[in-house]
C-alpha atoms as a PDB file:
ATOM      1  CA  UNK A   1       0.048  -0.048   0.122  1.00  0.00           C
ATOM      2  CA  UNK A   2       1.411   3.269  -1.063  1.00  0.00           C
ATOM      3  CA  UNK A   3       1.901   5.750   1.950  1.00  0.00           C
ATOM      4  CA  UNK A   4       0.829   9.438   1.629  1.00  0.00           C
ATOM      5  CA  UNK A   5       3.653  12.116   2.021  1.00  0.00           C
ATOM      6  CA  UNK A   6       2.369  14.346   4.583  1.00  0.00           C
ATOM      7  CA  UNK A   7       5.237  16.698   4.268  1.00  0.00           C
ATOM      8  CA  UNK A   8       4.674  17.090   0.512  1.00  0.00           C
ATOM      9  CA  UNK A   9       0.959  17.897   1.210  1.00  0.00           C
ATOM     10  CA  UNK A  10       1.726  20.675   3.767  1.00  0.00           C
ATOM     11  CA  UNK A  11       4.260  22.208   1.503  1.00  0.00           C
ATOM     12  CA  UNK A  12       2.073  22.370  -1.423  1.00  0.00           C
ATOM     13  CA  UNK A  13      -0.857  23.828   0.733  1.00  0.00           C
ATOM     14  CA  UNK A  14       1.558  26.416   2.257  1.00  0.00           C
ATOM     15  CA  UNK A  15       2.863  27.098  -1.292  1.00  0.00           C
ATOM     16  CA  UNK A  16      -0.543  27.837  -2.621  1.00  0.00           C
ATOM     17  CA  UNK A  17      -1.441  29.953   0.317  1.00  0.00           C
ATOM     18  CA  UNK A  18       1.732  31.930  -0.079  1.00  0.00           C
ATOM     19  CA  UNK A  19       1.029  32.293  -4.166  1.00  0.00           C
ATOM     20  CA  UNK A  20      -2.494  33.597  -3.004  1.00  0.00           C
ATOM     21  CA  UNK A  21      -1.179  36.166  -0.555  1.00  0.00           C
ATOM     22  CA  UNK A  22       1.449  37.330  -2.989  1.00  0.00           C
ATOM     23  CA  UNK A  23      -1.110  37.672  -5.786  1.00  0.00           C
ATOM     24  CA  UNK A  24      -3.201  39.590  -3.401  1.00  0.00           C
ATOM     25  CA  UNK A  25      -0.548  41.996  -2.575  1.00  0.00           C
ATOM     26  CA  UNK A  26       0.510  42.709  -6.140  1.00  0.00           C
ATOM     27  CA  UNK A  27      -3.086  43.215  -7.442  1.00  0.00           C
ATOM     28  CA  UNK A  28      -3.961  45.524  -4.495  1.00  0.00           C
ATOM     29  CA  UNK A  29      -0.732  47.640  -5.258  1.00  0.00           C
ATOM     30  CA  UNK A  30      -1.625  48.025  -9.047  1.00  0.00           C
ATOM     31  CA  UNK A  31      -5.263  48.698  -8.297  1.00  0.00           C
ATOM     32  CA  UNK A  32      -4.510  51.383  -5.781  1.00  0.00           C
ATOM     33  CA  UNK A  33      -2.333  53.191  -8.494  1.00  0.00           C
ATOM     34  CA  UNK A  34      -5.591  53.317 -10.464  1.00  0.00           C
ATOM     35  CA  UNK A  35      -7.981  54.058  -7.655  1.00  0.00           C
ATOM     36  CA  UNK A  36      -6.180  56.993  -6.078  1.00  0.00           C
ATOM     37  CA  UNK A  37      -6.941  59.371  -8.931  1.00  0.00           C
ATOM     38  CA  UNK A  38     -10.723  58.315  -9.147  1.00  0.00           C
ATOM     39  CA  UNK A  39     -10.812  58.789  -5.169  1.00  0.00           C
ATOM     40  CA  UNK A  40      -9.412  62.065  -5.289  1.00  0.00           C
ATOM     41  CA  UNK A  41     -11.908  63.067  -8.007  1.00  0.00           C
ATOM     42  CA  UNK A  42     -14.807  61.987  -5.815  1.00  0.00           C
ATOM     43  CA  UNK A  43     -13.458  63.559  -2.651  1.00  0.00           C
ATOM     44  CA  UNK A  44     -12.679  66.915  -4.300  1.00  0.00           C
ATOM     45  CA  UNK A  45     -16.099  66.891  -5.972  1.00  0.00           C
ATOM     46  CA  UNK A  46     -17.894  66.223  -2.544  1.00  0.00           C
ATOM     47  CA  UNK A  47     -15.873  69.045  -0.971  1.00  0.00           C
ATOM     48  CA  UNK A  48     -16.933  71.508  -3.577  1.00  0.00           C
ATOM     49  CA  UNK A  49     -20.607  70.511  -3.251  1.00  0.00           C
ATOM     50  CA  UNK A  50     -20.230  70.955   0.451  1.00  0.00           C
ATOM     51  CA  UNK A  51     -19.062  74.485   0.219  1.00  0.00           C
ATOM     52  CA  UNK A  52     -22.146  75.265  -2.103  1.00  0.00           C
ATOM     53  CA  UNK A  53     -20.842  74.864  -5.775  1.00  0.00           C
ATOM     54  CA  UNK A  54     -23.436  72.988  -7.933  1.00  0.00           C
ATOM     55  CA  UNK A  55     -22.706  69.349  -8.500  1.00  0.00           C
ATOM     56  CA  UNK A  56     -22.474  69.645 -12.264  1.00  0.00           C
ATOM     57  CA  UNK A  57     -19.825  72.368 -11.955  1.00  0.00           C
ATOM     58  CA  UNK A  58     -17.984  70.632  -9.275  1.00  0.00           C
ATOM     59  CA  UNK A  59     -17.779  67.610 -11.356  1.00  0.00           C
ATOM     60  CA  UNK A  60     -16.242  69.555 -14.200  1.00  0.00           C
ATOM     61  CA  UNK A  61     -13.883  71.528 -11.930  1.00  0.00           C
ATOM     62  CA  UNK A  62     -12.628  68.533 -10.341  1.00  0.00           C
ATOM     63  CA  UNK A  63     -12.488  66.526 -13.541  1.00  0.00           C
ATOM     64  CA  UNK A  64     -10.323  69.248 -14.935  1.00  0.00           C
ATOM     65  CA  UNK A  65      -8.063  69.366 -11.790  1.00  0.00           C
ATOM     66  CA  UNK A  66      -7.368  65.703 -11.605  1.00  0.00           C
ATOM     67  CA  UNK A  67      -6.760  65.436 -15.228  1.00  0.00           C
ATOM     68  CA  UNK A  68      -4.221  68.373 -14.959  1.00  0.00           C
ATOM     69  CA  UNK A  69      -2.697  66.495 -12.064  1.00  0.00           C
ATOM     70  CA  UNK A  70      -2.447  63.363 -13.890  1.00  0.00           C
ATOM     71  CA  UNK A  71      -0.775  65.130 -16.835  1.00  0.00           C
ATOM     72  CA  UNK A  72       1.737  66.679 -14.764  1.00  0.00           C
ATOM     73  CA  UNK A  73       2.745  63.530 -12.950  1.00  0.00           C
ATOM     74  CA  UNK A  74       2.908  61.958 -16.409  1.00  0.00           C
ATOM     75  CA  UNK A  75       5.517  64.101 -17.458  1.00  0.00           C
ATOM     76  CA  UNK A  76       7.726  62.889 -14.609  1.00  0.00           C
ATOM     77  CA  UNK A  77       9.244  59.736 -15.816  1.00  0.00           C
ATOM     78  CA  UNK A  78      11.250  58.933 -12.732  1.00  0.00           C
ATOM     79  CA  UNK A  79       8.009  58.740 -10.659  1.00  0.00           C
ATOM     80  CA  UNK A  80       6.289  56.223 -13.149  1.00  0.00           C
ATOM     81  CA  UNK A  81       9.400  54.169 -13.273  1.00  0.00           C
ATOM     82  CA  UNK A  82       9.686  54.091  -9.539  1.00  0.00           C
ATOM     83  CA  UNK A  83       6.290  52.973  -9.129  1.00  0.00           C
ATOM     84  CA  UNK A  84       6.304  50.275 -11.662  1.00  0.00           C
ATOM     85  CA  UNK A  85       9.865  49.207 -10.564  1.00  0.00           C
ATOM     86  CA  UNK A  86       8.166  48.645  -7.101  1.00  0.00           C
ATOM     87  CA  UNK A  87       5.412  46.687  -8.463  1.00  0.00           C
ATOM     88  CA  UNK A  88       7.705  44.542 -10.392  1.00  0.00           C
ATOM     89  CA  UNK A  89       9.958  44.022  -7.320  1.00  0.00           C
ATOM     90  CA  UNK A  90       6.897  42.918  -5.378  1.00  0.00           C
ATOM     91  CA  UNK A  91       6.146  40.374  -8.173  1.00  0.00           C
ATOM     92  CA  UNK A  92       9.713  39.134  -8.552  1.00  0.00           C
ATOM     93  CA  UNK A  93       9.950  38.686  -4.626  1.00  0.00           C
ATOM     94  CA  UNK A  94       6.713  36.610  -5.014  1.00  0.00           C
ATOM     95  CA  UNK A  95       8.001  34.398  -7.653  1.00  0.00           C
ATOM     96  CA  UNK A  96      11.248  33.760  -5.677  1.00  0.00           C
ATOM     97  CA  UNK A  97       9.419  32.850  -2.731  1.00  0.00           C
ATOM     98  CA  UNK A  98       7.177  30.341  -4.549  1.00  0.00           C
ATOM     99  CA  UNK A  99      10.031  28.767  -6.160  1.00  0.00           C
ATOM    100  CA  UNK A 100      11.861  28.383  -3.012  1.00  0.00           C
ATOM    101  CA  UNK A 101       8.795  26.344  -1.816  1.00  0.00           C
ATOM    102  CA  UNK A 102       9.448  24.233  -4.847  1.00  0.00           C
ATOM    103  CA  UNK A 103      12.959  23.172  -3.601  1.00  0.00           C
ATOM    104  CA  UNK A 104      11.349  22.012  -0.316  1.00  0.00           C
ATOM    105  CA  UNK A 105       8.814  20.112  -2.316  1.00  0.00           C
ATOM    106  CA  UNK A 106      11.440  18.201  -4.220  1.00  0.00           C
ATOM    107  CA  UNK A 107      13.314  17.357  -1.044  1.00  0.00           C
ATOM    108  CA  UNK A 108      10.178  16.104   0.546  1.00  0.00           C
ATOM    109  CA  UNK A 109       9.433  13.905  -2.637  1.00  0.00           C
ATOM    110  CA  UNK A 110      12.686  12.156  -2.534  1.00  0.00           C
ATOM    111  CA  UNK A 111      12.618  11.556   1.077  1.00  0.00           C
ATOM    112  CA  UNK A 112      11.120   8.048   2.312  1.00  0.00           C
ATOM    113  CA  UNK A 113       7.887   8.329   4.034  1.00  0.00           C
ATOM    114  CA  UNK A 114       8.306   7.863   7.821  1.00  0.00           C
ATOM    115  CA  UNK A 115       6.660   4.760   9.295  1.00  0.00           C
END
C-alpha cells in the first residue's frame, strides 16, 4: 500500500497560500495606483458640493483638476518608473518565494515516508 507523504501535502498547501497572498498584494498595489485618482476626483467633488458649488460644476472643475494633476505627473518619468519598478520587485519577490517552496517540495518527494 502506498503511503501518503504528509510533508509534501503541507508544503504544497502552504505554497498555494503563499502564492495567493502575494497575488493579492500585487493586485492591490496596482489597483491602488488606478484608484487613487478616482478617489481624489470623488472627494474633491464632495468638498466643492459641501461648500455650495453646484454638483455639475464641481464635477467639471474636479475632473479638470485631476486631469491636470495626472498630466503633470505623467511628465515625471522617474516617478512612473519608480512606481512600476516597485510593483515589479513585489512580483519578482513573490516568484522567488514560491520557487523556494518548490525546492522544499522536491526534497520532500525524495525522502522516504516515515512509518
